[in-house]
Amino acid sequence: MIKNSLISVIPQEKKEKNKGSVEFQIVSFTNRIRRLTSHLKLHKRDYLSQRGLRKILGKRQRLLTYLSKKNRVRYKELIGQLDIRDQKIR
């Protein structure tokens, strides 16, 4: 697994205060998604991990939608830092 490529976008002192913030949750979900993706490259038939990955992707997608509706500037900064694609807004 790739442990060194985990993202630390949020500074350490902010992590302790804002663990429930939308940005922190999106960053932690992104780290988990990248870890699971690298795991699934090795273990292609791990269907329970695939299901967990889909659930985490859905949660992150809902949080990103919420953030894009509430504060578009913070949303753009976050997806730029995390290097994820911009979502289609319905």
PDB file of N, CA and C in Angstrom:
ATOM      1  N   MET A   1       0.814  -1.183   0.000  1.00  0.00           N
ATOM      2  CA  MET A   1       0.000   0.000   0.000  1.00  0.00           C
ATOM      3  C   MET A   1       0.858   1.247   0.000  1.00  0.00           C
ATOM      4  N   ILE A   2       0.274   2.312  -0.450  1.00  0.00           N
ATOM      5  CA  ILE A   2       0.991   3.575  -0.535  1.00  0.00           C
ATOM      6  C   ILE A   2       0.606   4.427   0.660  1.00  0.00           C
ATOM      7  N   LYS A   3       1.498   4.543   1.633  1.00  0.00           N
ATOM      8  CA  LYS A   3       1.185   5.322   2.824  1.00  0.00           C
ATOM      9  C   LYS A   3       1.785   6.721   2.744  1.00  0.00           C
ATOM     10  N   ASN A   4       2.815   6.910   1.952  1.00  0.00           N
ATOM     11  CA  ASN A   4       3.463   8.208   1.878  1.00  0.00           C
ATOM     12  C   ASN A   4       2.705   9.203   1.019  1.00  0.00           C
ATOM     13  N   SER A   5       1.793   8.734   0.192  1.00  0.00           N
ATOM     14  CA  SER A   5       1.095   9.635  -0.704  1.00  0.00           C
ATOM     15  C   SER A   5      -0.195  10.186  -0.099  1.00  0.00           C
ATOM     16  N   LEU A   6      -0.398   9.971   1.207  1.00  0.00           N
ATOM     17  CA  LEU A   6      -1.585  10.503   1.840  1.00  0.00           C
ATOM     18  C   LEU A   6      -1.493  12.019   1.901  1.00  0.00           C
ATOM     19  N   ILE A   7      -2.608  12.645   1.848  1.00  0.00           N
ATOM     20  CA  ILE A   7      -2.660  14.089   1.694  1.00  0.00           C
ATOM     21  C   ILE A   7      -2.771  14.750   3.053  1.00  0.00           C
ATOM     22  N   SER A   8      -1.970  15.774   3.274  1.00  0.00           N
ATOM     23  CA  SER A   8      -2.098  16.569   4.489  1.00  0.00           C
ATOM     24  C   SER A   8      -2.307  18.018   4.061  1.00  0.00           C
ATOM     25  N   VAL A   9      -3.472  18.293   3.514  1.00  0.00           N
ATOM     26  CA  VAL A   9      -3.816  19.621   3.024  1.00  0.00           C
ATOM     27  C   VAL A   9      -4.082  20.563   4.187  1.00  0.00           C
ATOM     28  N   ILE A  10      -4.709  20.033   5.225  1.00  0.00           N
ATOM     29  CA  ILE A  10      -5.082  20.845   6.374  1.00  0.00           C
ATOM     30  C   ILE A  10      -3.920  20.840   7.372  1.00  0.00           C
ATOM     31  N   PRO A  11      -3.487  22.014   7.853  1.00  0.00           N
ATOM     32  CA  PRO A  11      -2.388  22.066   8.824  1.00  0.00           C
ATOM     33  C   PRO A  11      -2.738  21.315  10.112  1.00  0.00           C
ATOM     34  N   GLN A  12      -1.694  20.888  10.844  1.00  0.00           N
ATOM     35  CA  GLN A  12      -1.879  20.049  12.023  1.00  0.00           C
ATOM     36  C   GLN A  12      -2.710  20.734  13.113  1.00  0.00           C
ATOM     37  N   GLU A  13      -2.484  22.028  13.363  1.00  0.00           N
ATOM     38  CA  GLU A  13      -3.222  22.695  14.426  1.00  0.00           C
ATOM     39  C   GLU A  13      -4.701  22.844  14.079  1.00  0.00           C
ATOM     40  N   LYS A  14      -5.016  22.953  12.792  1.00  0.00           N
ATOM     41  CA  LYS A  14      -6.418  23.034  12.378  1.00  0.00           C
ATOM     42  C   LYS A  14      -7.093  21.677  12.468  1.00  0.00           C
ATOM     43  N   LYS A  15      -6.335  20.597  12.303  1.00  0.00           N
ATOM     44  CA  LYS A  15      -6.910  19.259  12.372  1.00  0.00           C
ATOM     45  C   LYS A  15      -7.513  19.002  13.744  1.00  0.00           C
ATOM     46  N   GLU A  16      -6.818  19.428  14.779  1.00  0.00           N
ATOM     47  CA  GLU A  16      -7.287  19.154  16.133  1.00  0.00           C
ATOM     48  C   GLU A  16      -8.582  19.885  16.440  1.00  0.00           C
ATOM     49  N   LYS A  17      -8.753  21.092  15.894  1.00  0.00           N
ATOM     50  CA  LYS A  17      -9.941  21.882  16.181  1.00  0.00           C
ATOM     51  C   LYS A  17     -11.135  21.468  15.324  1.00  0.00           C
ATOM     52  N   ASN A  18     -10.910  21.232  14.049  1.00  0.00           N
ATOM     53  CA  ASN A  18     -12.002  21.099  13.082  1.00  0.00           C
ATOM     54  C   ASN A  18     -12.136  19.698  12.508  1.00  0.00           C
ATOM     55  N   LYS A  19     -12.151  18.691  13.353  1.00  0.00           N
ATOM     56  CA  LYS A  19     -12.278  17.328  12.827  1.00  0.00           C
ATOM     57  C   LYS A  19     -13.647  17.056  12.243  1.00  0.00           C
ATOM     58  N   GLY A  20     -14.633  17.858  12.580  1.00  0.00           N
ATOM     59  CA  GLY A  20     -15.965  17.659  12.042  1.00  0.00           C
ATOM     60  C   GLY A  20     -16.278  18.543  10.857  1.00  0.00           C
ATOM     61  N   SER A  21     -15.321  19.352  10.429  1.00  0.00           N
ATOM     62  CA  SER A  21     -15.589  20.261   9.317  1.00  0.00           C
ATOM     63  C   SER A  21     -15.718  19.488   8.013  1.00  0.00           C
ATOM     64  N   VAL A  22     -16.386  20.096   7.074  1.00  0.00           N
ATOM     65  CA  VAL A  22     -16.624  19.450   5.785  1.00  0.00           C
ATOM     66  C   VAL A  22     -15.307  19.178   5.070  1.00  0.00           C
ATOM     67  N   GLU A  23     -14.391  20.146   5.118  1.00  0.00           N
ATOM     68  CA  GLU A  23     -13.114  19.967   4.431  1.00  0.00           C
ATOM     69  C   GLU A  23     -12.327  18.805   5.014  1.00  0.00           C
ATOM     70  N   PHE A  24     -12.290  18.708   6.342  1.00  0.00           N
ATOM     71  CA  PHE A  24     -11.555  17.611   6.981  1.00  0.00           C
ATOM     72  C   PHE A  24     -12.152  16.267   6.596  1.00  0.00           C
ATOM     73  N   GLN A  25     -13.473  16.170   6.586  1.00  0.00           N
ATOM     74  CA  GLN A  25     -14.116  14.911   6.230  1.00  0.00           C
ATOM     75  C   GLN A  25     -13.825  14.529   4.785  1.00  0.00           C
ATOM     76  N   ILE A  26     -13.827  15.509   3.885  1.00  0.00           N
ATOM     77  CA  ILE A  26     -13.545  15.224   2.471  1.00  0.00           C
ATOM     78  C   ILE A  26     -12.104  14.763   2.307  1.00  0.00           C
ATOM     79  N   VAL A  27     -11.174  15.395   3.016  1.00  0.00           N
ATOM     80  CA  VAL A  27      -9.763  14.995   2.936  1.00  0.00           C
ATOM     81  C   VAL A  27      -9.584  13.580   3.478  1.00  0.00           C
ATOM     82  N   SER A  28     -10.221  13.264   4.606  1.00  0.00           N
ATOM     83  CA  SER A  28     -10.063  11.919   5.173  1.00  0.00           C
ATOM     84  C   SER A  28     -10.706  10.866   4.269  1.00  0.00           C
ATOM     85  N   PHE A  29     -11.872  11.185   3.669  1.00  0.00           N
ATOM     86  CA  PHE A  29     -12.479  10.240   2.724  1.00  0.00           C
ATOM     87  C   PHE A  29     -11.583  10.043   1.503  1.00  0.00           C
ATOM     88  N   THR A  30     -10.951  11.113   1.022  1.00  0.00           N
ATOM     89  CA  THR A  30     -10.062  11.010  -0.132  1.00  0.00           C
ATOM     90  C   THR A  30      -8.865  10.126   0.186  1.00  0.00           C
ATOM     91  N   ASN A  31      -8.308  10.257   1.391  1.00  0.00           N
ATOM     92  CA  ASN A  31      -7.201   9.387   1.795  1.00  0.00           C
ATOM     93  C   ASN A  31      -7.631   7.928   1.833  1.00  0.00           C
ATOM     94  N   ARG A  32      -8.807   7.672   2.397  1.00  0.00           N
ATOM     95  CA  ARG A  32      -9.308   6.301   2.456  1.00  0.00           C
ATOM     96  C   ARG A  32      -9.584   5.749   1.063  1.00  0.00           C
ATOM     97  N   ILE A  33     -10.101   6.586   0.161  1.00  0.00           N
ATOM     98  CA  ILE A  33     -10.379   6.163  -1.213  1.00  0.00           C
ATOM     99  C   ILE A  33      -9.084   5.778  -1.920  1.00  0.00           C
ATOM    100  N   ARG A  34      -8.047   6.576  -1.735  1.00  0.00           N
ATOM    101  CA  ARG A  34      -6.774   6.267  -2.406  1.00  0.00           C
ATOM    102  C   ARG A  34      -6.140   5.014  -1.847  1.00  0.00           C
ATOM    103  N   ARG A  35      -6.264   4.795  -0.523  1.00  0.00           N
ATOM    104  CA  ARG A  35      -5.740   3.566   0.073  1.00  0.00           C
ATOM    105  C   ARG A  35      -6.503   2.346  -0.443  1.00  0.00           C
ATOM    106  N   LEU A  36      -7.827   2.433  -0.487  1.00  0.00           N
ATOM    107  CA  LEU A  36      -8.627   1.303  -0.977  1.00  0.00           C
ATOM    108  C   LEU A  36      -8.381   1.037  -2.457  1.00  0.00           C
ATOM    109  N   THR A  37      -8.185   2.090  -3.230  1.00  0.00           N
ATOM    110  CA  THR A  37      -7.918   1.911  -4.661  1.00  0.00           C
ATOM    111  C   THR A  37      -6.618   1.156  -4.879  1.00  0.00           C
ATOM    112  N   SER A  38      -5.583   1.518  -4.111  1.00  0.00           N
ATOM    113  CA  SER A  38      -4.316   0.795  -4.263  1.00  0.00           C
ATOM    114  C   SER A  38      -4.452  -0.644  -3.777  1.00  0.00           C
ATOM    115  N   HIS A  39      -5.274  -0.881  -2.760  1.00  0.00           N
ATOM    116  CA  HIS A  39      -5.523  -2.242  -2.285  1.00  0.00           C
ATOM    117  C   HIS A  39      -6.243  -3.056  -3.356  1.00  0.00           C
ATOM    118  N   LEU A  40      -7.221  -2.436  -4.016  1.00  0.00           N
ATOM    119  CA  LEU A  40      -8.009  -3.169  -5.006  1.00  0.00           C
ATOM    120  C   LEU A  40      -7.225  -3.444  -6.290  1.00  0.00           C
ATOM    121  N   LYS A  41      -6.163  -2.698  -6.523  1.00  0.00           N
ATOM    122  CA  LYS A  41      -5.315  -3.016  -7.678  1.00  0.00           C
ATOM    123  C   LYS A  41      -4.618  -4.355  -7.467  1.00  0.00           C
ATOM    124  N   LEU A  42      -4.305  -4.677  -6.209  1.00  0.00           N
ATOM    125  CA  LEU A  42      -3.655  -5.954  -5.907  1.00  0.00           C
ATOM    126  C   LEU A  42      -4.665  -7.085  -5.743  1.00  0.00           C
ATOM    127  N   HIS A  43      -5.819  -6.781  -5.149  1.00  0.00           N
ATOM    128  CA  HIS A  43      -6.818  -7.798  -4.833  1.00  0.00           C
ATOM    129  C   HIS A  43      -8.099  -7.491  -5.599  1.00  0.00           C
ATOM    130  N   LYS A  44      -8.154  -7.930  -6.834  1.00  0.00           N
ATOM    131  CA  LYS A  44      -9.256  -7.570  -7.723  1.00  0.00           C
ATOM    132  C   LYS A  44     -10.589  -8.199  -7.313  1.00  0.00           C
ATOM    133  N   ARG A  45     -10.570  -9.301  -6.605  1.00  0.00           N
ATOM    134  CA  ARG A  45     -11.815  -9.991  -6.255  1.00  0.00           C
ATOM    135  C   ARG A  45     -12.279  -9.705  -4.827  1.00  0.00           C
ATOM    136  N   ASP A  46     -11.786  -8.671  -4.230  1.00  0.00           N
ATOM    137  CA  ASP A  46     -12.207  -8.299  -2.882  1.00  0.00           C
ATOM    138  C   ASP A  46     -13.483  -7.459  -2.991  1.00  0.00           C
ATOM    139  N   TYR A  47     -14.605  -8.140  -3.064  1.00  0.00           N
ATOM    140  CA  TYR A  47     -15.871  -7.472  -3.347  1.00  0.00           C
ATOM    141  C   TYR A  47     -16.375  -6.650  -2.169  1.00  0.00           C
ATOM    142  N   LEU A  48     -16.053  -7.040  -0.949  1.00  0.00           N
ATOM    143  CA  LEU A  48     -16.478  -6.248   0.202  1.00  0.00           C
ATOM    144  C   LEU A  48     -15.750  -4.907   0.248  1.00  0.00           C
ATOM    145  N   SER A  49     -14.487  -4.908  -0.126  1.00  0.00           N
ATOM    146  CA  SER A  49     -13.760  -3.646  -0.184  1.00  0.00           C
ATOM    147  C   SER A  49     -14.276  -2.768  -1.324  1.00  0.00           C
ATOM    148  N   GLN A  50     -14.700  -3.394  -2.418  1.00  0.00           N
ATOM    149  CA  GLN A  50     -15.286  -2.624  -3.515  1.00  0.00           C
ATOM    150  C   GLN A  50     -16.575  -1.954  -3.061  1.00  0.00           C
ATOM    151  N   ARG A  51     -17.368  -2.669  -2.280  1.00  0.00           N
ATOM    152  CA  ARG A  51     -18.611  -2.109  -1.764  1.00  0.00           C
ATOM    153  C   ARG A  51     -18.325  -0.953  -0.810  1.00  0.00           C
ATOM    154  N   GLY A  52     -17.329  -1.129   0.063  1.00  0.00           N
ATOM    155  CA  GLY A  52     -16.941  -0.064   0.973  1.00  0.00           C
ATOM    156  C   GLY A  52     -16.443   1.159   0.232  1.00  0.00           C
ATOM    157  N   LEU A  53     -15.700   0.934  -0.843  1.00  0.00           N
ATOM    158  CA  LEU A  53     -15.199   2.041  -1.655  1.00  0.00           C
ATOM    159  C   LEU A  53     -16.351   2.815  -2.273  1.00  0.00           C
ATOM    160  N   ARG A  54     -17.350   2.098  -2.784  1.00  0.00           N
ATOM    161  CA  ARG A  54     -18.506   2.784  -3.372  1.00  0.00           C
ATOM    162  C   ARG A  54     -19.274   3.595  -2.337  1.00  0.00           C
ATOM    163  N   LYS A  55     -19.374   3.081  -1.116  1.00  0.00           N
ATOM    164  CA  LYS A  55     -20.059   3.813  -0.054  1.00  0.00           C
ATOM    165  C   LYS A  55     -19.302   5.088   0.312  1.00  0.00           C
ATOM    166  N   ILE A  56     -17.979   4.989   0.418  1.00  0.00           N
ATOM    167  CA  ILE A  56     -17.164   6.165   0.747  1.00  0.00           C
ATOM    168  C   ILE A  56     -17.231   7.186  -0.383  1.00  0.00           C
ATOM    169  N   LEU A  57     -17.219   6.714  -1.628  1.00  0.00           N
ATOM    170  CA  LEU A  57     -17.328   7.628  -2.762  1.00  0.00           C
ATOM    171  C   LEU A  57     -18.645   8.397  -2.731  1.00  0.00           C
ATOM    172  N   GLY A  58     -19.717   7.707  -2.368  1.00  0.00           N
ATOM    173  CA  GLY A  58     -21.023   8.364  -2.271  1.00  0.00           C
ATOM    174  C   GLY A  58     -21.063   9.410  -1.166  1.00  0.00           C
ATOM    175  N   LYS A  59     -20.465   9.084  -0.025  1.00  0.00           N
ATOM    176  CA  LYS A  59     -20.425  10.047   1.079  1.00  0.00           C
ATOM    177  C   LYS A  59     -19.624  11.281   0.689  1.00  0.00           C
ATOM    178  N   ARG A  60     -18.464  11.046   0.049  1.00  0.00           N
ATOM    179  CA  ARG A  60     -17.639  12.187  -0.358  1.00  0.00           C
ATOM    180  C   ARG A  60     -18.363  13.028  -1.403  1.00  0.00           C
ATOM    181  N   GLN A  61     -19.077  12.374  -2.298  1.00  0.00           N
ATOM    182  CA  GLN A  61     -19.810  13.100  -3.326  1.00  0.00           C
ATOM    183  C   GLN A  61     -20.889  13.984  -2.714  1.00  0.00           C
ATOM    184  N   ARG A  62     -21.609  13.461  -1.715  1.00  0.00           N
ATOM    185  CA  ARG A  62     -22.632  14.259  -1.044  1.00  0.00           C
ATOM    186  C   ARG A  62     -22.026  15.447  -0.308  1.00  0.00           C
ATOM    187  N   LEU A  63     -20.874  15.239   0.336  1.00  0.00           N
ATOM    188  CA  LEU A  63     -20.211  16.350   1.025  1.00  0.00           C
ATOM    189  C   LEU A  63     -19.708  17.403   0.040  1.00  0.00           C
ATOM    190  N   LEU A  64     -19.181  16.961  -1.097  1.00  0.00           N
ATOM    191  CA  LEU A  64     -18.716  17.907  -2.109  1.00  0.00           C
ATOM    192  C   LEU A  64     -19.875  18.711  -2.681  1.00  0.00           C
ATOM    193  N   THR A  65     -21.012  18.067  -2.881  1.00  0.00           N
ATOM    194  CA  THR A  65     -22.193  18.782  -3.368  1.00  0.00           C
ATOM    195  C   THR A  65     -22.643  19.823  -2.360  1.00  0.00           C
ATOM    196  N   TYR A  66     -22.655  19.451  -1.091  1.00  0.00           N
ATOM    197  CA  TYR A  66     -23.032  20.386  -0.030  1.00  0.00           C
ATOM    198  C   TYR A  66     -22.083  21.583  -0.004  1.00  0.00           C
ATOM    199  N   LEU A  67     -20.779  21.305  -0.075  1.00  0.00           N
ATOM    200  CA  LEU A  67     -19.796  22.387  -0.017  1.00  0.00           C
ATOM    201  C   LEU A  67     -19.895  23.293  -1.237  1.00  0.00           C
ATOM    202  N   SER A  68     -20.165  22.722  -2.409  1.00  0.00           N
ATOM    203  CA  SER A  68     -20.262  23.546  -3.612  1.00  0.00           C
ATOM    204  C   SER A  68     -21.475  24.463  -3.559  1.00  0.00           C
ATOM    205  N   LYS A  69     -22.542  24.010  -2.896  1.00  0.00           N
ATOM    206  CA  LYS A  69     -23.723  24.866  -2.775  1.00  0.00           C
ATOM    207  C   LYS A  69     -23.534  25.945  -1.719  1.00  0.00           C
ATOM    208  N   LYS A  70     -22.820  25.632  -0.633  1.00  0.00           N
ATOM    209  CA  LYS A  70     -22.656  26.580   0.460  1.00  0.00           C
ATOM    210  C   LYS A  70     -21.571  27.619   0.183  1.00  0.00           C
ATOM    211  N   ASN A  71     -20.417  27.152  -0.313  1.00  0.00           N
ATOM    212  CA  ASN A  71     -19.300  28.066  -0.518  1.00  0.00           C
ATOM    213  C   ASN A  71     -18.486  27.593  -1.721  1.00  0.00           C
ATOM    214  N   ARG A  72     -18.732  28.193  -2.858  1.00  0.00           N
ATOM    215  CA  ARG A  72     -18.108  27.764  -4.105  1.00  0.00           C
ATOM    216  C   ARG A  72     -16.595  28.001  -4.114  1.00  0.00           C
ATOM    217  N   VAL A  73     -16.140  29.055  -3.441  1.00  0.00           N
ATOM    218  CA  VAL A  73     -14.708  29.374  -3.423  1.00  0.00           C
ATOM    219  C   VAL A  73     -13.936  28.296  -2.652  1.00  0.00           C
ATOM    220  N   ARG A  74     -14.433  27.937  -1.462  1.00  0.00           N
ATOM    221  CA  ARG A  74     -13.774  26.883  -0.672  1.00  0.00           C
ATOM    222  C   ARG A  74     -13.798  25.557  -1.417  1.00  0.00           C
ATOM    223  N   TYR A  75     -14.881  25.293  -2.134  1.00  0.00           N
ATOM    224  CA  TYR A  75     -15.002  24.065  -2.916  1.00  0.00           C
ATOM    225  C   TYR A  75     -13.930  24.009  -4.002  1.00  0.00           C
ATOM    226  N   LYS A  76     -13.774  25.103  -4.738  1.00  0.00           N
ATOM    227  CA  LYS A  76     -12.777  25.146  -5.820  1.00  0.00           C
ATOM    228  C   LYS A  76     -11.366  24.977  -5.271  1.00  0.00           C
ATOM    229  N   GLU A  77     -11.065  25.617  -4.131  1.00  0.00           N
ATOM    230  CA  GLU A  77      -9.738  25.489  -3.526  1.00  0.00           C
ATOM    231  C   GLU A  77      -9.467  24.050  -3.103  1.00  0.00           C
ATOM    232  N   LEU A  78     -10.472  23.423  -2.505  1.00  0.00           N
ATOM    233  CA  LEU A  78     -10.294  22.064  -1.996  1.00  0.00           C
ATOM    234  C   LEU A  78     -10.083  21.053  -3.115  1.00  0.00           C
ATOM    235  N   ILE A  79     -10.885  21.132  -4.181  1.00  0.00           N
ATOM    236  CA  ILE A  79     -10.694  20.157  -5.260  1.00  0.00           C
ATOM    237  C   ILE A  79      -9.384  20.415  -6.004  1.00  0.00           C
ATOM    238  N   GLY A  80      -8.918  21.667  -5.993  1.00  0.00           N
ATOM    239  CA  GLY A  80      -7.615  21.954  -6.572  1.00  0.00           C
ATOM    240  C   GLY A  80      -6.485  21.346  -5.758  1.00  0.00           C
ATOM    241  N   GLN A  81      -6.593  21.432  -4.435  1.00  0.00           N
ATOM    242  CA  GLN A  81      -5.566  20.875  -3.559  1.00  0.00           C
ATOM    243  C   GLN A  81      -5.567  19.352  -3.575  1.00  0.00           C
ATOM    244  N   LEU A  82      -6.746  18.761  -3.643  1.00  0.00           N
ATOM    245  CA  LEU A  82      -6.848  17.304  -3.608  1.00  0.00           C
ATOM    246  C   LEU A  82      -6.648  16.663  -4.968  1.00  0.00           C
ATOM    247  N   ASP A  83      -6.648  17.468  -6.017  1.00  0.00           N
ATOM    248  CA  ASP A  83      -6.474  16.983  -7.383  1.00  0.00           C
ATOM    249  C   ASP A  83      -7.570  15.973  -7.747  1.00  0.00           C
ATOM    250  N   ILE A  84      -8.830  16.384  -7.507  1.00  0.00           N
ATOM    251  CA  ILE A  84      -9.967  15.577  -7.925  1.00  0.00           C
ATOM    252  C   ILE A  84     -10.778  16.379  -8.924  1.00  0.00           C
ATOM    253  N   ARG A  85     -11.564  15.677  -9.721  1.00  0.00           N
ATOM    254  CA  ARG A  85     -12.317  16.338 -10.785  1.00  0.00           C
ATOM    255  C   ARG A  85     -13.484  17.114 -10.239  1.00  0.00           C
ATOM    256  N   ASP A  86     -13.865  18.140 -10.971  1.00  0.00           N
ATOM    257  CA  ASP A  86     -15.037  18.933 -10.626  1.00  0.00           C
ATOM    258  C   ASP A  86     -16.278  18.112 -10.977  1.00  0.00           C
ATOM    259  N   GLN A  87     -17.260  18.138 -10.102  1.00  0.00           N
ATOM    260  CA  GLN A  87     -18.461  17.348 -10.322  1.00  0.00           C
ATOM    261  C   GLN A  87     -19.445  18.088 -11.211  1.00  0.00           C
ATOM    262  N   LYS A  88     -20.343  17.333 -11.795  1.00  0.00           N
ATOM    263  CA  LYS A  88     -21.418  17.935 -12.577  1.00  0.00           C
ATOM    264  C   LYS A  88     -22.538  18.280 -11.606  1.00  0.00           C
ATOM    265  N   ILE A  89     -22.969  19.511 -11.636  1.00  0.00           N
ATOM    266  CA  ILE A  89     -24.065  19.925 -10.756  1.00  0.00           C
ATOM    267  C   ILE A  89     -25.368  19.730 -11.498  1.00  0.00           C
ATOM    268  N   ARG A  90     -26.299  19.060 -10.855  1.00  0.00           N
ATOM    269  CA  ARG A  90     -27.568  18.724 -11.499  1.00  0.00           C
ATOM    270  C   ARG A  90     -28.490  19.887 -11.521  1.00  0.00           C
TER     271      ARG A  90
END
